């Protein structure tokens, strides 16, 4: 039973990812909230029917037609999503995302990133920075204005354990009880 539910979950996730990559319109692509909700309901109905195996050939045909008719919109939405991801990644690394790029800038970015002109390149200012290596600072010590040496750290760890109810004697007692409980006479 557990394997079947795990397999079902994997199947559902695969179908949902596929459908989400094709039917990727947003609320601002519609003139009213009702149209957007109708679109979401239609997509969810198709997803559910694919997961449950209901009328699969008709749904696959509908998906294929939708892909053909809306290929440009699908590509634009995927590019927009990739651009937003790149901007979020850059922001998390401390870069400033560039939101308005003209044609000359995008071709320059493409050449800098190794892509050909005319290919999609994320709109990010600057390059990727390497992760810092070496000793990381003791942030808690810096926050409270003290710098720990080895002895102070050991003492703090021991006191923290005792504050949480742990002791060496308790650990020894538990180990002995577990060892004795496994002996059968």
N, C-alpha and C. Protein backbone atom coordinates (compact mmCIF):
# COMPACT_ATOMS: atom_id res chain seq x y z
N UNK A 1 0.81 -1.20 0.00
CA UNK A 1 0.00 0.00 0.00
C UNK A 1 0.85 1.26 0.00
N UNK A 2 1.92 1.27 0.78
CA UNK A 2 2.75 2.47 0.86
C UNK A 2 3.41 2.76 -0.48
N UNK A 3 3.85 1.71 -1.17
CA UNK A 3 4.49 1.91 -2.47
C UNK A 3 3.49 2.47 -3.46
N UNK A 4 2.26 1.96 -3.42
CA UNK A 4 1.25 2.44 -4.36
C UNK A 4 0.97 3.92 -4.14
N UNK A 5 0.86 4.34 -2.88
CA UNK A 5 0.59 5.76 -2.63
C UNK A 5 1.79 6.61 -3.01
N UNK A 6 3.00 6.11 -2.81
CA UNK A 6 4.19 6.85 -3.23
C UNK A 6 4.26 6.97 -4.73
N UNK A 7 3.89 5.90 -5.43
CA UNK A 7 3.87 5.93 -6.88
C UNK A 7 2.79 6.87 -7.39
N UNK A 8 1.63 6.84 -6.73
CA UNK A 8 0.54 7.74 -7.11
C UNK A 8 0.96 9.19 -6.92
N UNK A 9 1.64 9.45 -5.83
CA UNK A 9 2.11 10.81 -5.56
C UNK A 9 3.11 11.26 -6.63
N UNK A 10 4.04 10.39 -6.98
CA UNK A 10 5.02 10.73 -8.02
C UNK A 10 4.32 10.96 -9.36
N UNK A 11 3.34 10.13 -9.67
CA UNK A 11 2.58 10.29 -10.92
C UNK A 11 1.85 11.63 -10.91
N UNK A 12 1.20 11.95 -9.79
CA UNK A 12 0.47 13.21 -9.69
C UNK A 12 1.41 14.41 -9.84
N UNK A 13 2.55 14.35 -9.19
CA UNK A 13 3.50 15.47 -9.28
C UNK A 13 4.03 15.64 -10.71
N UNK A 14 4.29 14.54 -11.38
CA UNK A 14 4.75 14.60 -12.76
C UNK A 14 3.70 15.24 -13.66
N UNK A 15 2.45 14.82 -13.49
CA UNK A 15 1.36 15.37 -14.30
C UNK A 15 1.17 16.85 -13.99
N UNK A 16 1.17 17.21 -12.71
CA UNK A 16 0.97 18.61 -12.33
C UNK A 16 2.08 19.51 -12.87
N UNK A 17 3.33 19.05 -12.83
CA UNK A 17 4.44 19.85 -13.38
C UNK A 17 4.27 20.05 -14.88
N UNK A 18 3.90 18.97 -15.56
CA UNK A 18 3.72 19.05 -17.02
C UNK A 18 2.60 20.03 -17.37
N UNK A 19 1.47 19.90 -16.71
CA UNK A 19 0.32 20.77 -16.99
C UNK A 19 0.66 22.22 -16.64
N UNK A 20 1.34 22.42 -15.52
CA UNK A 20 1.69 23.79 -15.10
C UNK A 20 2.66 24.44 -16.08
N UNK A 21 3.51 23.66 -16.72
CA UNK A 21 4.44 24.25 -17.69
C UNK A 21 3.74 24.64 -18.99
N UNK A 22 2.61 24.02 -19.27
CA UNK A 22 1.86 24.33 -20.50
C UNK A 22 0.80 25.38 -20.24
N UNK A 23 -0.02 25.16 -19.23
CA UNK A 23 -1.09 26.10 -18.87
C UNK A 23 -0.55 27.03 -17.79
N UNK A 24 0.23 28.02 -18.22
CA UNK A 24 0.96 28.87 -17.28
C UNK A 24 0.53 30.33 -17.32
N UNK A 25 -0.73 30.57 -17.60
CA UNK A 25 -1.21 31.95 -17.61
C UNK A 25 -1.39 32.44 -16.18
N UNK A 26 -1.33 33.76 -16.03
CA UNK A 26 -1.49 34.38 -14.72
C UNK A 26 -2.75 35.22 -14.70
N UNK A 27 -3.08 35.71 -13.52
CA UNK A 27 -4.30 36.51 -13.36
C UNK A 27 -4.26 37.76 -14.22
N UNK A 28 -3.09 38.39 -14.35
CA UNK A 28 -3.01 39.62 -15.15
C UNK A 28 -3.13 39.36 -16.66
N UNK A 29 -3.16 38.09 -17.08
CA UNK A 29 -3.38 37.76 -18.49
C UNK A 29 -4.86 37.77 -18.85
N UNK A 30 -5.74 37.92 -17.86
CA UNK A 30 -7.18 37.87 -18.08
C UNK A 30 -7.80 39.23 -17.77
N UNK A 31 -8.94 39.49 -18.39
CA UNK A 31 -9.61 40.77 -18.18
C UNK A 31 -10.42 40.80 -16.90
N UNK A 32 -10.83 39.62 -16.38
CA UNK A 32 -11.59 39.60 -15.13
C UNK A 32 -11.15 38.42 -14.28
N UNK A 33 -11.45 38.52 -13.00
CA UNK A 33 -11.12 37.46 -12.06
C UNK A 33 -11.93 36.20 -12.37
N UNK A 34 -13.16 36.37 -12.82
CA UNK A 34 -14.00 35.21 -13.15
C UNK A 34 -13.39 34.40 -14.30
N UNK A 35 -12.88 35.08 -15.33
CA UNK A 35 -12.24 34.38 -16.45
C UNK A 35 -11.02 33.60 -15.95
N UNK A 36 -10.24 34.22 -15.07
CA UNK A 36 -9.05 33.55 -14.54
C UNK A 36 -9.45 32.34 -13.70
N UNK A 37 -10.47 32.46 -12.87
CA UNK A 37 -10.93 31.34 -12.05
C UNK A 37 -11.49 30.22 -12.92
N UNK A 38 -12.19 30.56 -14.00
CA UNK A 38 -12.68 29.54 -14.93
C UNK A 38 -11.52 28.79 -15.58
N UNK A 39 -10.48 29.53 -15.95
CA UNK A 39 -9.28 28.93 -16.53
C UNK A 39 -8.64 27.97 -15.54
N UNK A 40 -8.48 28.41 -14.28
CA UNK A 40 -7.88 27.55 -13.25
C UNK A 40 -8.72 26.30 -13.01
N UNK A 41 -10.03 26.45 -13.02
CA UNK A 41 -10.91 25.30 -12.82
C UNK A 41 -10.78 24.31 -13.97
N UNK A 42 -10.70 24.81 -15.19
CA UNK A 42 -10.54 23.93 -16.35
C UNK A 42 -9.21 23.17 -16.26
N UNK A 43 -8.16 23.86 -15.89
CA UNK A 43 -6.84 23.23 -15.76
C UNK A 43 -6.87 22.17 -14.66
N UNK A 44 -7.49 22.48 -13.52
CA UNK A 44 -7.56 21.52 -12.43
C UNK A 44 -8.40 20.31 -12.81
N UNK A 45 -9.49 20.52 -13.54
CA UNK A 45 -10.31 19.39 -14.00
C UNK A 45 -9.50 18.47 -14.92
N UNK A 46 -8.75 19.06 -15.85
CA UNK A 46 -7.91 18.25 -16.75
C UNK A 46 -6.86 17.49 -15.94
N UNK A 47 -6.23 18.16 -14.98
CA UNK A 47 -5.20 17.52 -14.17
C UNK A 47 -5.79 16.34 -13.40
N UNK A 48 -6.91 16.56 -12.75
CA UNK A 48 -7.56 15.50 -11.99
C UNK A 48 -7.91 14.32 -12.88
N UNK A 49 -8.49 14.59 -14.05
CA UNK A 49 -8.87 13.51 -14.96
C UNK A 49 -7.65 12.75 -15.46
N UNK A 50 -6.55 13.43 -15.72
CA UNK A 50 -5.33 12.73 -16.14
C UNK A 50 -4.80 11.84 -15.02
N UNK A 51 -4.82 12.35 -13.79
CA UNK A 51 -4.32 11.57 -12.65
C UNK A 51 -5.18 10.32 -12.45
N UNK A 52 -6.49 10.50 -12.57
CA UNK A 52 -7.41 9.38 -12.35
C UNK A 52 -7.60 8.50 -13.58
N UNK A 53 -7.06 8.92 -14.74
CA UNK A 53 -7.18 8.12 -15.96
C UNK A 53 -8.53 8.25 -16.64
N UNK A 54 -9.19 9.37 -16.45
CA UNK A 54 -10.52 9.59 -17.02
C UNK A 54 -10.38 10.34 -18.34
N UNK A 55 -10.86 9.75 -19.43
CA UNK A 55 -10.90 10.39 -20.74
C UNK A 55 -9.53 10.95 -21.17
N UNK A 56 -8.48 10.17 -20.98
CA UNK A 56 -7.10 10.62 -21.23
C UNK A 56 -6.85 11.00 -22.68
N UNK A 57 -7.30 10.21 -23.70
CA UNK A 57 -7.02 10.60 -25.09
C UNK A 57 -7.59 11.97 -25.46
N UNK A 58 -8.81 12.27 -25.00
CA UNK A 58 -9.42 13.57 -25.32
C UNK A 58 -8.65 14.71 -24.64
N UNK A 59 -8.22 14.49 -23.42
CA UNK A 59 -7.48 15.53 -22.69
C UNK A 59 -6.12 15.75 -23.35
N UNK A 60 -5.45 14.67 -23.73
CA UNK A 60 -4.15 14.80 -24.40
C UNK A 60 -4.30 15.55 -25.72
N UNK A 61 -5.38 15.30 -26.44
CA UNK A 61 -5.63 16.02 -27.70
C UNK A 61 -5.86 17.50 -27.42
N UNK A 62 -6.62 17.81 -26.37
CA UNK A 62 -6.86 19.20 -25.99
C UNK A 62 -5.55 19.90 -25.62
N UNK A 63 -4.69 19.20 -24.87
CA UNK A 63 -3.39 19.77 -24.48
C UNK A 63 -2.53 20.03 -25.71
N UNK A 64 -2.51 19.08 -26.64
CA UNK A 64 -1.71 19.25 -27.87
C UNK A 64 -2.21 20.44 -28.68
N UNK A 65 -3.54 20.58 -28.83
CA UNK A 65 -4.10 21.73 -29.55
C UNK A 65 -3.75 23.04 -28.85
N UNK A 66 -3.87 23.05 -27.53
CA UNK A 66 -3.56 24.26 -26.76
C UNK A 66 -2.10 24.65 -26.95
N UNK A 67 -1.20 23.65 -26.93
CA UNK A 67 0.23 23.92 -27.12
C UNK A 67 0.49 24.53 -28.49
N UNK A 68 -0.16 24.02 -29.50
CA UNK A 68 0.05 24.53 -30.85
C UNK A 68 -0.48 25.95 -30.98
N UNK A 69 -1.70 26.18 -30.48
CA UNK A 69 -2.33 27.49 -30.61
C UNK A 69 -1.65 28.57 -29.76
N UNK A 70 -1.09 28.19 -28.62
CA UNK A 70 -0.55 29.17 -27.67
C UNK A 70 0.96 29.00 -27.46
N UNK A 71 1.67 28.50 -28.46
CA UNK A 71 3.10 28.24 -28.30
C UNK A 71 3.87 29.49 -27.92
N UNK A 72 3.55 30.61 -28.57
CA UNK A 72 4.27 31.85 -28.28
C UNK A 72 4.01 32.32 -26.86
N UNK A 73 2.75 32.29 -26.43
CA UNK A 73 2.41 32.71 -25.06
C UNK A 73 3.07 31.80 -24.03
N UNK A 74 3.12 30.51 -24.30
CA UNK A 74 3.76 29.56 -23.38
C UNK A 74 5.24 29.89 -23.24
N UNK A 75 5.91 30.14 -24.37
CA UNK A 75 7.34 30.48 -24.33
C UNK A 75 7.58 31.80 -23.60
N UNK A 76 6.72 32.78 -23.83
CA UNK A 76 6.87 34.07 -23.14
C UNK A 76 6.70 33.89 -21.64
N UNK A 77 5.70 33.11 -21.24
CA UNK A 77 5.47 32.88 -19.81
C UNK A 77 6.62 32.11 -19.17
N UNK A 78 7.18 31.13 -19.89
CA UNK A 78 8.32 30.39 -19.37
C UNK A 78 9.55 31.29 -19.25
N UNK A 79 9.75 32.17 -20.24
CA UNK A 79 10.87 33.11 -20.18
C UNK A 79 10.68 34.09 -19.02
N UNK A 80 9.45 34.56 -18.83
CA UNK A 80 9.17 35.47 -17.73
C UNK A 80 9.43 34.79 -16.39
N UNK A 81 9.03 33.54 -16.26
CA UNK A 81 9.27 32.79 -15.03
C UNK A 81 10.77 32.59 -14.79
N UNK A 82 11.51 32.27 -15.84
CA UNK A 82 12.95 32.09 -15.71
C UNK A 82 13.63 33.41 -15.35
N UNK A 83 13.14 34.50 -15.92
CA UNK A 83 13.69 35.82 -15.62
C UNK A 83 13.43 36.20 -14.16
N UNK A 84 12.22 35.92 -13.68
CA UNK A 84 11.89 36.19 -12.28
C UNK A 84 12.73 35.34 -11.34
N UNK A 85 12.97 34.08 -11.73
CA UNK A 85 13.81 33.20 -10.93
C UNK A 85 15.23 33.73 -10.88
N UNK A 86 15.75 34.15 -12.02
CA UNK A 86 17.11 34.68 -12.07
C UNK A 86 17.22 35.96 -11.23
N UNK A 87 16.19 36.80 -11.29
CA UNK A 87 16.20 38.03 -10.49
C UNK A 87 16.15 37.71 -9.01
N UNK A 88 15.34 36.72 -8.63
CA UNK A 88 15.26 36.33 -7.22
C UNK A 88 16.58 35.73 -6.76
N UNK A 89 17.20 34.93 -7.61
CA UNK A 89 18.49 34.35 -7.27
C UNK A 89 19.55 35.43 -7.10
N UNK A 90 19.53 36.40 -8.01
CA UNK A 90 20.49 37.50 -7.92
C UNK A 90 20.23 38.34 -6.67
N UNK A 91 18.97 38.56 -6.35
CA UNK A 91 18.65 39.35 -5.16
C UNK A 91 19.09 38.61 -3.90
N UNK A 92 18.97 37.30 -3.90
CA UNK A 92 19.39 36.55 -2.72
C UNK A 92 20.91 36.54 -2.57
N UNK A 93 21.62 36.78 -3.66
CA UNK A 93 23.08 36.83 -3.60
C UNK A 93 23.58 38.25 -3.48
N UNK A 94 22.66 39.22 -3.39
CA UNK A 94 23.07 40.59 -3.17
C UNK A 94 23.18 41.43 -4.42
N UNK A 95 22.78 40.90 -5.56
CA UNK A 95 22.81 41.68 -6.80
C UNK A 95 21.52 42.46 -6.95
N UNK A 96 21.54 43.44 -7.77
CA UNK A 96 20.34 44.20 -8.10
C UNK A 96 19.82 43.66 -9.42
N UNK A 97 18.53 43.28 -9.43
CA UNK A 97 17.94 42.74 -10.66
C UNK A 97 17.66 43.89 -11.62
N UNK A 98 17.86 43.61 -12.89
CA UNK A 98 17.63 44.61 -13.92
C UNK A 98 16.29 44.30 -14.56
N UNK A 99 15.32 45.22 -14.47
CA UNK A 99 13.98 44.92 -14.95
C UNK A 99 13.74 45.37 -16.36
N UNK A 100 14.37 46.47 -16.80
CA UNK A 100 14.12 46.94 -18.15
C UNK A 100 15.40 46.82 -18.97
N UNK A 101 15.35 45.94 -19.96
CA UNK A 101 16.51 45.71 -20.81
C UNK A 101 16.09 46.01 -22.23
N UNK A 102 16.89 46.80 -22.91
CA UNK A 102 16.59 47.04 -24.31
C UNK A 102 17.33 46.01 -25.16
N UNK A 103 17.12 46.02 -26.43
CA UNK A 103 17.66 44.99 -27.31
C UNK A 103 19.18 44.98 -27.29
N UNK A 104 19.80 46.15 -27.28
CA UNK A 104 21.26 46.19 -27.30
C UNK A 104 21.84 45.60 -26.03
N UNK A 105 21.21 45.84 -24.88
CA UNK A 105 21.71 45.30 -23.63
C UNK A 105 21.55 43.79 -23.59
N UNK A 106 20.41 43.28 -24.08
CA UNK A 106 20.19 41.84 -24.03
C UNK A 106 21.18 41.11 -24.93
N UNK A 107 21.57 41.69 -26.05
CA UNK A 107 22.56 41.02 -26.88
C UNK A 107 23.93 41.06 -26.22
N UNK A 108 24.22 42.13 -25.49
CA UNK A 108 25.49 42.18 -24.76
C UNK A 108 25.48 41.15 -23.64
N UNK A 109 24.35 41.04 -22.90
CA UNK A 109 24.27 40.05 -21.83
C UNK A 109 24.42 38.66 -22.41
N UNK A 110 23.79 38.41 -23.58
CA UNK A 110 23.90 37.10 -24.21
C UNK A 110 25.34 36.75 -24.53
N UNK A 111 26.10 37.73 -25.04
CA UNK A 111 27.49 37.46 -25.37
C UNK A 111 28.33 37.25 -24.13
N UNK A 112 28.01 37.94 -23.04
CA UNK A 112 28.77 37.77 -21.81
C UNK A 112 28.50 36.41 -21.18
N UNK A 113 27.28 35.90 -21.30
CA UNK A 113 26.93 34.63 -20.67
C UNK A 113 27.25 33.44 -21.55
N UNK A 114 27.72 33.66 -22.75
CA UNK A 114 28.10 32.56 -23.62
C UNK A 114 26.97 32.11 -24.53
N UNK A 115 25.81 32.77 -24.50
CA UNK A 115 24.73 32.41 -25.39
C UNK A 115 24.84 33.22 -26.66
N UNK A 116 24.18 32.76 -27.69
CA UNK A 116 24.19 33.45 -28.97
C UNK A 116 23.24 34.64 -28.91
N UNK A 117 23.49 35.68 -29.68
CA UNK A 117 22.54 36.80 -29.72
C UNK A 117 21.19 36.30 -30.22
N UNK A 118 20.13 36.80 -29.59
CA UNK A 118 18.79 36.37 -29.94
C UNK A 118 18.27 35.26 -29.05
N UNK A 119 19.16 34.58 -28.32
CA UNK A 119 18.72 33.55 -27.39
C UNK A 119 18.35 34.21 -26.07
N UNK A 120 17.55 33.51 -25.29
CA UNK A 120 17.14 34.04 -23.99
C UNK A 120 18.32 34.03 -23.03
N UNK A 121 18.53 35.16 -22.38
CA UNK A 121 19.52 35.26 -21.31
C UNK A 121 18.86 35.98 -20.15
N UNK A 122 19.01 35.49 -18.91
CA UNK A 122 18.35 36.13 -17.78
C UNK A 122 18.79 37.58 -17.63
N UNK A 123 17.86 38.44 -17.25
CA UNK A 123 18.14 39.86 -17.09
C UNK A 123 18.67 40.11 -15.70
N UNK A 124 19.96 39.86 -15.51
CA UNK A 124 20.58 40.02 -14.20
C UNK A 124 21.80 40.89 -14.37
N UNK A 125 21.93 41.87 -13.50
CA UNK A 125 23.12 42.72 -13.54
C UNK A 125 24.24 42.02 -12.80
N UNK A 126 25.39 41.98 -13.39
CA UNK A 126 26.55 41.37 -12.74
C UNK A 126 26.60 39.87 -12.94
N UNK A 127 27.68 39.26 -12.49
CA UNK A 127 27.84 37.82 -12.62
C UNK A 127 27.58 37.13 -11.30
N UNK A 128 27.74 35.83 -11.28
CA UNK A 128 27.55 35.08 -10.07
C UNK A 128 28.78 35.18 -9.19
N UNK A 129 28.58 35.33 -7.91
CA UNK A 129 29.69 35.41 -6.99
C UNK A 129 29.93 34.05 -6.37
N UNK A 130 31.19 33.69 -6.13
CA UNK A 130 31.46 32.41 -5.49
C UNK A 130 31.05 32.45 -4.02
N UNK A 131 30.75 31.28 -3.48
CA UNK A 131 30.41 31.20 -2.07
C UNK A 131 31.65 31.47 -1.22
N UNK A 132 31.48 32.10 -0.07
CA UNK A 132 32.64 32.35 0.78
C UNK A 132 33.14 31.05 1.39
N UNK A 133 34.44 30.96 1.52
CA UNK A 133 35.04 29.79 2.14
C UNK A 133 35.85 30.23 3.33
N UNK A 134 36.28 29.28 4.11
CA UNK A 134 37.09 29.61 5.27
C UNK A 134 36.24 29.60 6.53
N UNK A 135 36.77 30.19 7.59
CA UNK A 135 36.11 30.19 8.89
C UNK A 135 34.96 31.18 8.88
N UNK A 136 33.80 30.71 9.28
CA UNK A 136 32.64 31.58 9.38
C UNK A 136 32.65 32.28 10.73
N UNK A 137 32.18 33.50 10.80
CA UNK A 137 32.19 34.22 12.06
C UNK A 137 31.18 33.64 13.05
N UNK A 138 31.46 33.82 14.33
CA UNK A 138 30.54 33.40 15.38
C UNK A 138 29.49 34.49 15.52
N UNK A 139 28.38 34.34 14.82
CA UNK A 139 27.38 35.40 14.75
C UNK A 139 26.73 35.68 16.10
N UNK A 140 26.47 34.65 16.89
CA UNK A 140 25.86 34.87 18.20
C UNK A 140 26.82 35.62 19.10
N UNK A 141 28.08 35.21 19.05
CA UNK A 141 29.08 35.92 19.85
C UNK A 141 29.19 37.37 19.43
N UNK A 142 29.15 37.63 18.13
CA UNK A 142 29.24 39.00 17.65
C UNK A 142 28.00 39.80 18.03
N UNK A 143 26.83 39.12 18.00
CA UNK A 143 25.60 39.81 18.34
C UNK A 143 25.60 40.31 19.78
N UNK A 144 26.08 39.48 20.69
CA UNK A 144 26.04 39.83 22.10
C UNK A 144 27.35 40.41 22.61
N UNK A 145 28.30 40.63 21.74
CA UNK A 145 29.51 41.34 22.09
C UNK A 145 30.58 40.52 22.79
N UNK A 146 30.62 39.21 22.59
CA UNK A 146 31.70 38.42 23.15
C UNK A 146 32.24 37.47 22.10
N UNK A 147 33.47 37.10 22.27
CA UNK A 147 34.11 36.18 21.34
C UNK A 147 34.48 34.93 22.13
N UNK A 148 34.05 33.77 21.67
CA UNK A 148 34.25 32.54 22.43
C UNK A 148 35.59 31.91 22.13
N UNK A 149 36.24 31.46 23.18
CA UNK A 149 37.39 30.58 22.99
C UNK A 149 36.89 29.15 23.18
N UNK A 150 37.74 28.16 23.04
CA UNK A 150 37.34 26.75 23.08
C UNK A 150 36.72 26.38 24.43
N UNK A 151 37.33 26.82 25.51
CA UNK A 151 36.85 26.47 26.85
C UNK A 151 35.45 27.06 27.12
N UNK A 152 35.25 28.29 26.69
CA UNK A 152 33.94 28.93 26.89
C UNK A 152 32.86 28.22 26.09
N UNK A 153 33.19 27.79 24.88
CA UNK A 153 32.21 27.07 24.07
C UNK A 153 31.82 25.74 24.72
N UNK A 154 32.80 25.00 25.25
CA UNK A 154 32.50 23.73 25.92
C UNK A 154 31.62 23.96 27.14
N UNK A 155 31.95 24.98 27.93
CA UNK A 155 31.18 25.29 29.12
C UNK A 155 29.75 25.68 28.75
N UNK A 156 29.59 26.49 27.70
CA UNK A 156 28.26 26.90 27.25
C UNK A 156 27.47 25.70 26.76
N UNK A 157 28.10 24.77 26.04
CA UNK A 157 27.41 23.57 25.56
C UNK A 157 26.97 22.70 26.73
N UNK A 158 27.82 22.55 27.74
CA UNK A 158 27.46 21.75 28.92
C UNK A 158 26.30 22.37 29.68
N UNK A 159 26.37 23.67 29.90
CA UNK A 159 25.29 24.37 30.60
C UNK A 159 23.99 24.33 29.80
N UNK A 160 24.09 24.46 28.49
CA UNK A 160 22.90 24.39 27.65
C UNK A 160 22.24 23.03 27.73
N UNK A 161 23.04 21.98 27.78
CA UNK A 161 22.49 20.63 27.90
C UNK A 161 21.80 20.44 29.23
N UNK A 162 22.41 20.92 30.29
CA UNK A 162 21.79 20.81 31.61
C UNK A 162 20.51 21.64 31.68
N UNK A 163 20.48 22.77 31.06
CA UNK A 163 19.28 23.61 31.06
C UNK A 163 18.13 22.89 30.35
N UNK A 164 18.46 22.04 29.39
CA UNK A 164 17.45 21.27 28.68
C UNK A 164 17.09 19.97 29.38
N UNK A 165 17.67 19.69 30.54
CA UNK A 165 17.33 18.48 31.30
C UNK A 165 18.27 17.32 31.05
N UNK A 166 19.35 17.51 30.31
CA UNK A 166 20.26 16.43 30.00
C UNK A 166 21.40 16.42 31.01
N UNK A 167 21.87 15.25 31.37
CA UNK A 167 23.07 15.14 32.21
C UNK A 167 23.82 13.89 31.82
N UNK A 168 25.08 13.82 32.21
CA UNK A 168 25.90 12.65 31.90
C UNK A 168 25.35 11.44 32.62
N UNK A 169 24.93 11.60 33.87
CA UNK A 169 24.38 10.48 34.65
C UNK A 169 23.14 9.92 33.99
N UNK A 170 22.26 10.80 33.50
CA UNK A 170 21.05 10.37 32.82
C UNK A 170 21.39 9.56 31.58
N UNK A 171 22.39 10.01 30.84
CA UNK A 171 22.80 9.30 29.64
C UNK A 171 23.36 7.92 29.98
N UNK A 172 24.18 7.84 31.02
CA UNK A 172 24.74 6.55 31.44
C UNK A 172 23.64 5.60 31.89
N UNK A 173 22.67 6.12 32.67
CA UNK A 173 21.57 5.31 33.17
C UNK A 173 20.74 4.75 32.01
N UNK A 174 20.44 5.59 31.03
CA UNK A 174 19.64 5.14 29.89
C UNK A 174 20.37 4.08 29.09
N UNK A 175 21.68 4.27 28.87
CA UNK A 175 22.47 3.29 28.13
C UNK A 175 22.48 1.95 28.85
N UNK A 176 22.64 1.96 30.17
CA UNK A 176 22.66 0.73 30.96
C UNK A 176 21.30 0.03 30.91
N UNK A 177 20.20 0.81 31.02
CA UNK A 177 18.86 0.22 30.95
C UNK A 177 18.61 -0.41 29.58
N UNK A 178 19.03 0.25 28.51
CA UNK A 178 18.83 -0.29 27.18
C UNK A 178 19.64 -1.56 26.97
N UNK A 179 20.87 -1.59 27.53
CA UNK A 179 21.70 -2.79 27.40
C UNK A 179 21.10 -3.96 28.17
N UNK A 180 20.60 -3.69 29.37
CA UNK A 180 20.03 -4.77 30.20
C UNK A 180 18.69 -5.25 29.66
N UNK A 181 17.94 -4.36 29.03
CA UNK A 181 16.63 -4.78 28.52
C UNK A 181 16.75 -5.69 27.31
N UNK A 182 17.89 -5.72 26.69
CA UNK A 182 18.07 -6.58 25.52
C UNK A 182 18.56 -7.97 25.91
N UNK A 183 18.86 -8.18 27.18
CA UNK A 183 19.33 -9.51 27.65
C UNK A 183 18.11 -10.35 27.99
N UNK A 184 18.05 -11.54 27.40
CA UNK A 184 16.96 -12.48 27.68
C UNK A 184 17.48 -13.62 28.54
N UNK A 185 16.80 -13.87 29.62
CA UNK A 185 17.25 -14.93 30.51
C UNK A 185 16.35 -16.13 30.35
